Amino acid sequence: MHIFFNVIFLFTSLSLLINCSGPDSGKPHQQLSREQLAEPLINANKKVVRNESILINSYIERHQLKMTETGTGLRYMIYSKGDGAKAEQGKLATIKFKIFLLDGTLVYSSDAKGSEDFLIGQDQKESGLHEGIQYMHVGDKAKMILPPHLAHGLLGDENKIPSRAVIIYDVELLSLR
């Protein structure tokens, strides 16, 4: 995917270079509106999101998962029900988790360092995790698939998660405070 953005950047740079130099560079050019400038980028982004969605849906189909899709593109499935309180914004959640790439590579796990705490809706966790945890109750175990815009976006985490990566959370909500 990053090649796609590099091609767009190169094309845009070349277009600017060609338009700003040449035999008629002294002539005034028609100003493009913000909408005219944004439209190609918006269309390119829609194509990328559509392709990511196809990849995610293919994964779900291959693994025969029954997941719910939210309006943001998060997919989640609670596969083991707990009987505790429902998670909500502002609560301190304690979770156990494993994070995988779409190809099945395990990138992070709480097994090594123990459970992790975060404030729902406030801490610097993936926005998809903040959204998904709010569908859970204490004791629930869930699988969440976060598209890049709900995970680590264009840059990845600059460690184990590459740019524009779809990530899969396998998470258990241990407690709320």
N, C-alpha and C. Protein backbone atom coordinates (compact mmCIF):
# COMPACT_ATOMS: atom_id res chain seq x y z
N MET A 1 0.81 -1.19 0.00
CA MET A 1 0.00 0.00 0.00
C MET A 1 0.86 1.26 0.00
N HIS A 2 2.03 1.21 0.72
CA HIS A 2 2.85 2.41 0.76
C HIS A 2 3.40 2.74 -0.62
N ILE A 3 3.53 1.75 -1.49
CA ILE A 3 3.96 2.01 -2.86
C ILE A 3 2.92 2.87 -3.57
N PHE A 4 1.66 2.58 -3.31
CA PHE A 4 0.56 3.35 -3.90
C PHE A 4 0.67 4.82 -3.53
N PHE A 5 0.94 5.11 -2.26
CA PHE A 5 1.07 6.49 -1.81
C PHE A 5 2.34 7.14 -2.36
N ASN A 6 3.40 6.36 -2.51
CA ASN A 6 4.61 6.89 -3.11
C ASN A 6 4.37 7.27 -4.56
N VAL A 7 3.61 6.45 -5.29
CA VAL A 7 3.29 6.75 -6.68
C VAL A 7 2.45 8.02 -6.75
N ILE A 8 1.48 8.15 -5.87
CA ILE A 8 0.65 9.37 -5.85
C ILE A 8 1.52 10.58 -5.56
N PHE A 9 2.42 10.46 -4.58
CA PHE A 9 3.31 11.58 -4.24
C PHE A 9 4.18 11.94 -5.42
N LEU A 10 4.76 10.94 -6.08
CA LEU A 10 5.62 11.18 -7.23
C LEU A 10 4.82 11.85 -8.35
N PHE A 11 3.63 11.35 -8.63
CA PHE A 11 2.78 11.92 -9.67
C PHE A 11 2.43 13.37 -9.35
N THR A 12 2.08 13.65 -8.12
CA THR A 12 1.74 15.01 -7.71
C THR A 12 2.94 15.92 -7.83
N SER A 13 4.11 15.45 -7.40
CA SER A 13 5.34 16.25 -7.48
C SER A 13 5.70 16.55 -8.92
N LEU A 14 5.61 15.53 -9.78
CA LEU A 14 5.90 15.74 -11.20
C LEU A 14 4.92 16.72 -11.83
N SER A 15 3.67 16.60 -11.49
CA SER A 15 2.66 17.51 -12.02
C SER A 15 2.96 18.94 -11.63
N LEU A 16 3.32 19.14 -10.37
CA LEU A 16 3.66 20.48 -9.91
C LEU A 16 4.90 21.01 -10.62
N LEU A 17 5.90 20.17 -10.77
CA LEU A 17 7.13 20.56 -11.43
C LEU A 17 6.86 20.95 -12.88
N ILE A 18 6.10 20.14 -13.59
CA ILE A 18 5.79 20.41 -14.98
C ILE A 18 4.97 21.68 -15.11
N ASN A 19 4.01 21.86 -14.24
CA ASN A 19 3.13 23.03 -14.31
C ASN A 19 3.82 24.31 -13.88
N CYS A 20 4.84 24.21 -13.07
CA CYS A 20 5.51 25.40 -12.56
C CYS A 20 6.72 25.80 -13.40
N SER A 21 7.12 24.97 -14.35
CA SER A 21 8.24 25.30 -15.22
C SER A 21 7.82 25.05 -16.65
N GLY A 22 8.60 25.48 -17.56
CA GLY A 22 8.26 25.26 -18.96
C GLY A 22 8.07 26.57 -19.69
N PRO A 23 7.73 26.49 -20.96
CA PRO A 23 7.68 27.69 -21.79
C PRO A 23 6.66 28.73 -21.34
N ASP A 24 5.58 28.32 -20.73
CA ASP A 24 4.57 29.31 -20.33
C ASP A 24 4.56 29.53 -18.84
N SER A 25 5.70 29.30 -18.17
CA SER A 25 5.73 29.42 -16.71
C SER A 25 5.53 30.86 -16.24
N GLY A 26 5.73 31.82 -17.12
CA GLY A 26 5.51 33.21 -16.73
C GLY A 26 4.06 33.63 -16.84
N LYS A 27 3.24 32.81 -17.49
CA LYS A 27 1.82 33.14 -17.66
C LYS A 27 1.06 32.79 -16.40
N PRO A 28 0.04 33.54 -16.08
CA PRO A 28 -0.77 33.21 -14.90
C PRO A 28 -1.53 31.90 -15.13
N HIS A 29 -1.61 31.09 -14.08
CA HIS A 29 -2.35 29.82 -14.13
C HIS A 29 -3.65 29.97 -13.37
N GLN A 30 -4.60 29.18 -13.80
CA GLN A 30 -5.88 29.18 -13.10
C GLN A 30 -5.70 28.48 -11.75
N GLN A 31 -6.16 29.11 -10.70
CA GLN A 31 -6.09 28.52 -9.36
C GLN A 31 -7.11 27.40 -9.24
N LEU A 32 -6.66 26.27 -8.69
CA LEU A 32 -7.59 25.16 -8.44
C LEU A 32 -8.20 25.34 -7.07
N SER A 33 -9.45 25.00 -6.95
CA SER A 33 -10.13 25.10 -5.66
C SER A 33 -9.66 23.98 -4.75
N ARG A 34 -9.92 24.15 -3.49
CA ARG A 34 -9.58 23.12 -2.50
C ARG A 34 -10.27 21.80 -2.86
N GLU A 35 -11.50 21.88 -3.32
CA GLU A 35 -12.24 20.68 -3.70
C GLU A 35 -11.59 19.98 -4.88
N GLN A 36 -11.13 20.77 -5.87
CA GLN A 36 -10.48 20.17 -7.04
C GLN A 36 -9.16 19.50 -6.65
N LEU A 37 -8.46 20.07 -5.70
CA LEU A 37 -7.21 19.47 -5.23
C LEU A 37 -7.46 18.22 -4.39
N ALA A 38 -8.52 18.25 -3.59
CA ALA A 38 -8.79 17.16 -2.66
C ALA A 38 -9.43 15.95 -3.33
N GLU A 39 -10.18 16.17 -4.39
CA GLU A 39 -10.95 15.08 -5.00
C GLU A 39 -10.11 13.87 -5.40
N PRO A 40 -8.96 14.03 -6.08
CA PRO A 40 -8.17 12.84 -6.43
C PRO A 40 -7.65 12.10 -5.19
N LEU A 41 -7.28 12.83 -4.16
CA LEU A 41 -6.80 12.19 -2.94
C LEU A 41 -7.92 11.44 -2.22
N ILE A 42 -9.09 12.04 -2.19
CA ILE A 42 -10.24 11.38 -1.56
C ILE A 42 -10.57 10.09 -2.31
N ASN A 43 -10.58 10.16 -3.64
CA ASN A 43 -10.89 8.97 -4.44
C ASN A 43 -9.84 7.89 -4.24
N ALA A 44 -8.58 8.27 -4.16
CA ALA A 44 -7.50 7.30 -3.93
C ALA A 44 -7.67 6.66 -2.55
N ASN A 45 -8.00 7.47 -1.55
CA ASN A 45 -8.19 6.94 -0.20
C ASN A 45 -9.38 5.99 -0.14
N LYS A 46 -10.46 6.32 -0.83
CA LYS A 46 -11.62 5.43 -0.87
C LYS A 46 -11.25 4.08 -1.47
N LYS A 47 -10.40 4.10 -2.49
CA LYS A 47 -9.97 2.85 -3.12
C LYS A 47 -9.14 2.02 -2.14
N VAL A 48 -8.25 2.67 -1.41
CA VAL A 48 -7.42 1.97 -0.43
C VAL A 48 -8.29 1.35 0.65
N VAL A 49 -9.25 2.11 1.18
CA VAL A 49 -10.15 1.60 2.23
C VAL A 49 -10.98 0.44 1.70
N ARG A 50 -11.44 0.55 0.47
CA ARG A 50 -12.22 -0.54 -0.14
C ARG A 50 -11.37 -1.81 -0.25
N ASN A 51 -10.11 -1.67 -0.66
CA ASN A 51 -9.21 -2.83 -0.78
C ASN A 51 -8.91 -3.43 0.59
N GLU A 52 -8.73 -2.59 1.61
CA GLU A 52 -8.51 -3.09 2.97
C GLU A 52 -9.74 -3.87 3.45
N SER A 53 -10.91 -3.36 3.15
CA SER A 53 -12.14 -4.03 3.54
C SER A 53 -12.27 -5.40 2.87
N ILE A 54 -11.86 -5.48 1.61
CA ILE A 54 -11.89 -6.76 0.89
C ILE A 54 -10.94 -7.75 1.57
N LEU A 55 -9.74 -7.29 1.93
CA LEU A 55 -8.78 -8.16 2.62
C LEU A 55 -9.34 -8.66 3.95
N ILE A 56 -9.93 -7.75 4.72
CA ILE A 56 -10.48 -8.12 6.02
C ILE A 56 -11.63 -9.11 5.85
N ASN A 57 -12.54 -8.83 4.93
CA ASN A 57 -13.68 -9.73 4.71
C ASN A 57 -13.22 -11.10 4.23
N SER A 58 -12.17 -11.13 3.42
CA SER A 58 -11.61 -12.40 2.97
C SER A 58 -11.06 -13.20 4.15
N TYR A 59 -10.37 -12.52 5.06
CA TYR A 59 -9.84 -13.16 6.27
C TYR A 59 -10.99 -13.74 7.10
N ILE A 60 -12.03 -12.95 7.30
CA ILE A 60 -13.19 -13.38 8.10
C ILE A 60 -13.83 -14.62 7.46
N GLU A 61 -13.96 -14.58 6.14
CA GLU A 61 -14.57 -15.71 5.43
C GLU A 61 -13.71 -16.97 5.54
N ARG A 62 -12.39 -16.83 5.32
CA ARG A 62 -11.47 -17.97 5.39
C ARG A 62 -11.48 -18.62 6.76
N HIS A 63 -11.61 -17.81 7.80
CA HIS A 63 -11.58 -18.33 9.17
C HIS A 63 -12.98 -18.60 9.73
N GLN A 64 -13.99 -18.41 8.89
CA GLN A 64 -15.39 -18.67 9.24
C GLN A 64 -15.79 -18.00 10.55
N LEU A 65 -15.49 -16.71 10.64
CA LEU A 65 -15.82 -15.93 11.83
C LEU A 65 -17.15 -15.23 11.63
N LYS A 66 -17.89 -15.11 12.69
CA LYS A 66 -19.17 -14.39 12.66
C LYS A 66 -18.95 -13.07 13.40
N MET A 67 -18.56 -12.05 12.64
CA MET A 67 -18.19 -10.78 13.24
C MET A 67 -19.23 -9.71 12.90
N THR A 68 -19.30 -8.73 13.77
CA THR A 68 -20.15 -7.56 13.56
C THR A 68 -19.26 -6.43 13.08
N GLU A 69 -19.72 -5.68 12.07
CA GLU A 69 -18.98 -4.53 11.58
C GLU A 69 -19.66 -3.26 12.06
N THR A 70 -18.87 -2.35 12.61
CA THR A 70 -19.40 -1.07 13.07
C THR A 70 -19.30 -0.05 11.94
N GLY A 71 -19.86 1.11 12.14
CA GLY A 71 -19.81 2.17 11.14
C GLY A 71 -18.42 2.67 10.83
N THR A 72 -17.48 2.47 11.73
CA THR A 72 -16.10 2.92 11.52
C THR A 72 -15.27 1.91 10.74
N GLY A 73 -15.78 0.68 10.60
CA GLY A 73 -15.03 -0.36 9.93
C GLY A 73 -14.43 -1.39 10.87
N LEU A 74 -14.58 -1.19 12.18
CA LEU A 74 -14.14 -2.18 13.16
C LEU A 74 -14.99 -3.43 13.01
N ARG A 75 -14.34 -4.59 13.05
CA ARG A 75 -15.07 -5.86 13.12
C ARG A 75 -14.77 -6.46 14.48
N TYR A 76 -15.80 -6.98 15.14
CA TYR A 76 -15.57 -7.61 16.44
C TYR A 76 -16.50 -8.79 16.62
N MET A 77 -16.07 -9.68 17.54
CA MET A 77 -16.84 -10.87 17.85
C MET A 77 -16.52 -11.24 19.30
N ILE A 78 -17.53 -11.30 20.12
CA ILE A 78 -17.35 -11.76 21.50
C ILE A 78 -17.57 -13.26 21.48
N TYR A 79 -16.49 -14.01 21.74
CA TYR A 79 -16.57 -15.46 21.62
C TYR A 79 -16.68 -16.17 22.96
N SER A 80 -16.54 -15.44 24.06
CA SER A 80 -16.75 -16.01 25.39
C SER A 80 -17.36 -14.92 26.26
N LYS A 81 -18.54 -15.18 26.79
CA LYS A 81 -19.28 -14.18 27.56
C LYS A 81 -18.87 -14.18 29.02
N GLY A 82 -18.70 -12.97 29.55
CA GLY A 82 -18.49 -12.79 30.98
C GLY A 82 -19.78 -12.31 31.61
N ASP A 83 -19.77 -12.09 32.89
CA ASP A 83 -21.01 -11.65 33.54
C ASP A 83 -20.79 -10.38 34.36
N GLY A 84 -19.72 -9.66 34.05
CA GLY A 84 -19.40 -8.45 34.81
C GLY A 84 -20.00 -7.20 34.20
N ALA A 85 -19.56 -6.07 34.73
CA ALA A 85 -20.05 -4.76 34.30
C ALA A 85 -19.66 -4.47 32.86
N LYS A 86 -20.46 -3.64 32.20
CA LYS A 86 -20.19 -3.23 30.82
C LYS A 86 -19.13 -2.13 30.81
N ALA A 87 -18.20 -2.22 29.88
CA ALA A 87 -17.15 -1.21 29.74
C ALA A 87 -17.76 0.08 29.20
N GLU A 88 -17.21 1.20 29.65
CA GLU A 88 -17.66 2.50 29.15
C GLU A 88 -16.53 3.51 29.27
N GLN A 89 -16.67 4.59 28.51
CA GLN A 89 -15.65 5.63 28.50
C GLN A 89 -15.36 6.13 29.90
N GLY A 90 -14.06 6.41 30.13
CA GLY A 90 -13.63 6.95 31.41
C GLY A 90 -13.27 5.90 32.44
N LYS A 91 -13.64 4.65 32.21
CA LYS A 91 -13.30 3.57 33.13
C LYS A 91 -11.88 3.09 32.85
N LEU A 92 -11.22 2.63 33.89
CA LEU A 92 -9.90 2.03 33.76
C LEU A 92 -10.09 0.55 33.49
N ALA A 93 -9.72 0.12 32.31
CA ALA A 93 -9.87 -1.28 31.90
C ALA A 93 -8.56 -2.02 32.10
N THR A 94 -8.65 -3.23 32.61
CA THR A 94 -7.50 -4.12 32.70
C THR A 94 -7.75 -5.25 31.72
N ILE A 95 -6.80 -5.44 30.79
CA ILE A 95 -6.98 -6.44 29.73
C ILE A 95 -5.76 -7.36 29.61
N LYS A 96 -6.02 -8.54 29.09
CA LYS A 96 -4.99 -9.42 28.56
C LYS A 96 -5.22 -9.43 27.05
N PHE A 97 -4.14 -9.50 26.28
CA PHE A 97 -4.31 -9.40 24.83
C PHE A 97 -3.19 -10.07 24.06
N LYS A 98 -3.51 -10.35 22.82
CA LYS A 98 -2.52 -10.74 21.81
C LYS A 98 -2.88 -9.93 20.57
N ILE A 99 -1.85 -9.43 19.90
CA ILE A 99 -2.05 -8.65 18.67
C ILE A 99 -1.35 -9.38 17.53
N PHE A 100 -2.11 -9.62 16.47
CA PHE A 100 -1.61 -10.33 15.29
C PHE A 100 -1.74 -9.45 14.06
N LEU A 101 -0.89 -9.69 13.08
CA LEU A 101 -1.08 -9.13 11.75
C LEU A 101 -2.05 -10.03 11.01
N LEU A 102 -2.56 -9.57 9.90
CA LEU A 102 -3.55 -10.34 9.14
C LEU A 102 -2.97 -11.66 8.63
N ASP A 103 -1.66 -11.75 8.48
CA ASP A 103 -1.05 -12.99 8.01
C ASP A 103 -0.83 -13.99 9.15
N GLY A 104 -1.26 -13.63 10.37
CA GLY A 104 -1.15 -14.54 11.51
C GLY A 104 0.07 -14.31 12.39
N THR A 105 0.95 -13.39 12.01
CA THR A 105 2.14 -13.10 12.80
C THR A 105 1.76 -12.46 14.13
N LEU A 106 2.20 -13.07 15.23
CA LEU A 106 1.99 -12.49 16.55
C LEU A 106 3.01 -11.37 16.74
N VAL A 107 2.53 -10.14 16.98
CA VAL A 107 3.45 -9.01 17.14
C VAL A 107 3.60 -8.57 18.59
N TYR A 108 2.54 -8.66 19.37
CA TYR A 108 2.59 -8.27 20.78
C TYR A 108 1.67 -9.18 21.59
N SER A 109 2.03 -9.37 22.86
CA SER A 109 1.21 -10.18 23.75
C SER A 109 1.44 -9.72 25.18
N SER A 110 0.37 -9.74 25.95
CA SER A 110 0.50 -9.39 27.37
C SER A 110 1.03 -10.58 28.17
N ASP A 111 1.18 -11.74 27.54
CA ASP A 111 1.70 -12.92 28.24
C ASP A 111 3.07 -12.65 28.84
N ALA A 112 3.90 -11.90 28.14
CA ALA A 112 5.28 -11.66 28.59
C ALA A 112 5.34 -10.71 29.79
N LYS A 113 4.53 -9.65 29.78
CA LYS A 113 4.64 -8.65 30.85
C LYS A 113 3.39 -8.54 31.73
N GLY A 114 2.43 -9.37 31.50
CA GLY A 114 1.22 -9.33 32.32
C GLY A 114 0.14 -8.45 31.73
N SER A 115 -0.96 -8.33 32.45
CA SER A 115 -2.10 -7.56 31.97
C SER A 115 -1.73 -6.08 31.85
N GLU A 116 -2.56 -5.36 31.13
CA GLU A 116 -2.31 -3.95 30.87
C GLU A 116 -3.56 -3.14 31.22
N ASP A 117 -3.34 -1.95 31.76
CA ASP A 117 -4.42 -1.03 32.11
C ASP A 117 -4.45 0.13 31.12
N PHE A 118 -5.65 0.61 30.80
CA PHE A 118 -5.78 1.85 30.03
C PHE A 118 -7.14 2.48 30.30
N LEU A 119 -7.19 3.81 30.20
CA LEU A 119 -8.43 4.54 30.38
C LEU A 119 -9.20 4.53 29.07
N ILE A 120 -10.39 3.98 29.09
CA ILE A 120 -11.20 3.85 27.88
C ILE A 120 -11.56 5.24 27.36
N GLY A 121 -11.21 5.47 26.10
CA GLY A 121 -11.51 6.74 25.45
C GLY A 121 -10.51 7.83 25.72
N GLN A 122 -9.46 7.54 26.50
CA GLN A 122 -8.53 8.61 26.86
C GLN A 122 -7.07 8.27 26.65
N ASP A 123 -6.65 7.06 26.87
CA ASP A 123 -5.24 6.71 26.75
C ASP A 123 -4.83 6.56 25.29
N GLN A 124 -3.53 6.54 25.08
CA GLN A 124 -2.99 6.45 23.73
C GLN A 124 -2.91 4.99 23.27
N LYS A 125 -4.04 4.41 23.10
CA LYS A 125 -4.19 3.08 22.52
C LYS A 125 -4.85 3.26 21.16
N GLU A 126 -4.88 2.21 20.39
CA GLU A 126 -5.53 2.27 19.10
C GLU A 126 -7.00 2.67 19.28
N SER A 127 -7.49 3.57 18.43
CA SER A 127 -8.88 4.00 18.56
C SER A 127 -9.83 2.83 18.38
N GLY A 128 -9.46 1.85 17.58
CA GLY A 128 -10.29 0.67 17.39
C GLY A 128 -10.44 -0.15 18.66
N LEU A 129 -9.39 -0.20 19.48
CA LEU A 129 -9.48 -0.90 20.76
C LEU A 129 -10.41 -0.15 21.70
N HIS A 130 -10.29 1.17 21.75
CA HIS A 130 -11.18 1.98 22.58
C HIS A 130 -12.64 1.75 22.19
N GLU A 131 -12.89 1.71 20.88
CA GLU A 131 -14.26 1.47 20.40
C GLU A 131 -14.72 0.06 20.75
N GLY A 132 -13.90 -0.93 20.42
CA GLY A 132 -14.29 -2.32 20.59
C GLY A 132 -14.49 -2.73 22.03
N ILE A 133 -13.67 -2.22 22.93
CA ILE A 133 -13.77 -2.61 24.34
C ILE A 133 -15.12 -2.20 24.92
N GLN A 134 -15.73 -1.16 24.36
CA GLN A 134 -17.01 -0.68 24.87
C GLN A 134 -18.19 -1.60 24.51
N TYR A 135 -17.94 -2.62 23.70
CA TYR A 135 -18.96 -3.63 23.42
C TYR A 135 -18.84 -4.81 24.37
N MET A 136 -17.87 -4.73 25.30
CA MET A 136 -17.57 -5.87 26.16
C MET A 136 -18.01 -5.65 27.59
N HIS A 137 -18.15 -6.77 28.30
CA HIS A 137 -18.40 -6.81 29.74
C HIS A 137 -17.19 -7.48 30.40
N VAL A 138 -16.99 -7.21 31.68
CA VAL A 138 -15.91 -7.87 32.40
C VAL A 138 -16.07 -9.38 32.27
N GLY A 139 -15.00 -10.04 31.91
CA GLY A 139 -15.01 -11.49 31.71
C GLY A 139 -15.16 -11.90 30.26
N ASP A 140 -15.59 -10.97 29.38
CA ASP A 140 -15.72 -11.28 27.96
C ASP A 140 -14.35 -11.48 27.32
N LYS A 141 -14.33 -12.35 26.32
CA LYS A 141 -13.18 -12.50 25.44
C LYS A 141 -13.67 -12.18 24.04
N ALA A 142 -12.89 -11.40 23.33
CA ALA A 142 -13.32 -10.96 22.01
C ALA A 142 -12.17 -10.95 21.03
N LYS A 143 -12.54 -11.04 19.77
CA LYS A 143 -11.60 -10.86 18.67
C LYS A 143 -12.05 -9.60 17.95
N MET A 144 -11.08 -8.70 17.70
CA MET A 144 -11.36 -7.45 17.00
C MET A 144 -10.40 -7.30 15.84
N ILE A 145 -10.93 -6.91 14.70
CA ILE A 145 -10.08 -6.63 13.55
C ILE A 145 -10.13 -5.13 13.30
N LEU A 146 -8.96 -4.51 13.42
CA LEU A 146 -8.84 -3.06 13.27
C LEU A 146 -8.21 -2.72 11.93
N PRO A 147 -8.96 -2.03 11.06
CA PRO A 147 -8.33 -1.55 9.83
C PRO A 147 -7.28 -0.50 10.19
N PRO A 148 -6.36 -0.19 9.29
CA PRO A 148 -5.27 0.72 9.62
C PRO A 148 -5.70 2.06 10.21
N HIS A 149 -6.80 2.63 9.72
CA HIS A 149 -7.21 3.94 10.25
C HIS A 149 -7.68 3.86 11.70
N LEU A 150 -7.96 2.67 12.22
CA LEU A 150 -8.32 2.50 13.63
C LEU A 150 -7.18 1.89 14.43
N ALA A 151 -6.05 1.64 13.75
CA ALA A 151 -4.91 1.01 14.41
C ALA A 151 -3.71 1.96 14.39
N HIS A 152 -2.73 1.69 13.55
CA HIS A 152 -1.51 2.49 13.54
C HIS A 152 -1.31 3.29 12.27
N GLY A 153 -2.30 3.30 11.40
CA GLY A 153 -2.32 4.19 10.25
C GLY A 153 -1.18 4.04 9.26
N LEU A 154 -0.80 5.19 8.69
CA LEU A 154 0.19 5.22 7.63
C LEU A 154 1.58 4.81 8.06
N LEU A 155 1.93 5.03 9.31
CA LEU A 155 3.30 4.80 9.76
C LEU A 155 3.53 3.46 10.44
N GLY A 156 2.49 2.80 10.87
CA GLY A 156 2.68 1.62 11.71
C GLY A 156 3.13 2.09 13.09
N ASP A 157 3.69 1.20 13.87
CA ASP A 157 4.15 1.62 15.20
C ASP A 157 5.66 1.84 15.22
N GLU A 158 6.27 1.81 14.03
CA GLU A 158 7.71 2.00 13.87
C GLU A 158 8.51 0.95 14.64
N ASN A 159 7.90 -0.21 14.87
CA ASN A 159 8.58 -1.31 15.54
C ASN A 159 8.18 -2.61 14.84
N LYS A 160 7.12 -3.25 15.31
CA LYS A 160 6.72 -4.55 14.76
C LYS A 160 5.52 -4.47 13.81
N ILE A 161 4.77 -3.38 13.89
CA ILE A 161 3.58 -3.25 13.04
C ILE A 161 3.92 -2.35 11.86
N PRO A 162 3.85 -2.89 10.64
CA PRO A 162 4.21 -2.09 9.47
C PRO A 162 3.16 -1.03 9.12
N SER A 163 3.51 -0.16 8.21
CA SER A 163 2.59 0.89 7.78
C SER A 163 1.34 0.27 7.15
N ARG A 164 0.22 0.93 7.36
CA ARG A 164 -1.08 0.55 6.81
C ARG A 164 -1.47 -0.90 7.11
N ALA A 165 -1.08 -1.39 8.27
CA ALA A 165 -1.35 -2.78 8.63
C ALA A 165 -2.71 -2.93 9.30
N VAL A 166 -3.44 -3.95 8.89
CA VAL A 166 -4.64 -4.40 9.59
C VAL A 166 -4.13 -5.22 10.78
N ILE A 167 -4.68 -4.97 11.97
CA ILE A 167 -4.28 -5.77 13.12
C ILE A 167 -5.48 -6.47 13.73
N ILE A 168 -5.19 -7.59 14.36
CA ILE A 168 -6.22 -8.40 15.00
C ILE A 168 -5.90 -8.45 16.49
N TYR A 169 -6.85 -8.03 17.30
CA TYR A 169 -6.74 -8.12 18.74
C TYR A 169 -7.52 -9.33 19.22
N ASP A 170 -6.89 -10.13 20.04
CA ASP A 170 -7.59 -11.15 20.81
C ASP A 170 -7.49 -10.63 22.24
N VAL A 171 -8.61 -10.23 22.82
CA VAL A 171 -8.57 -9.49 24.07
C VAL A 171 -9.55 -10.07 25.10
N GLU A 172 -9.14 -10.05 26.35
CA GLU A 172 -10.01 -10.44 27.47
C GLU A 172 -10.09 -9.25 28.41
N LEU A 173 -11.31 -8.84 28.75
CA LEU A 173 -11.52 -7.75 29.70
C LEU A 173 -11.56 -8.34 31.10
N LEU A 174 -10.48 -8.08 31.86
CA LEU A 174 -10.34 -8.68 33.19
C LEU A 174 -11.09 -7.91 34.27
N SER A 175 -11.02 -6.56 34.20
CA SER A 175 -11.69 -5.77 35.25
C SER A 175 -11.89 -4.34 34.77
N LEU A 176 -12.75 -3.63 35.50
CA LEU A 176 -13.00 -2.20 35.28
C LEU A 176 -12.95 -1.52 36.64
N ARG A 177 -12.41 -0.31 36.65
CA ARG A 177 -12.41 0.52 37.86
C ARG A 177 -12.81 1.92 37.51
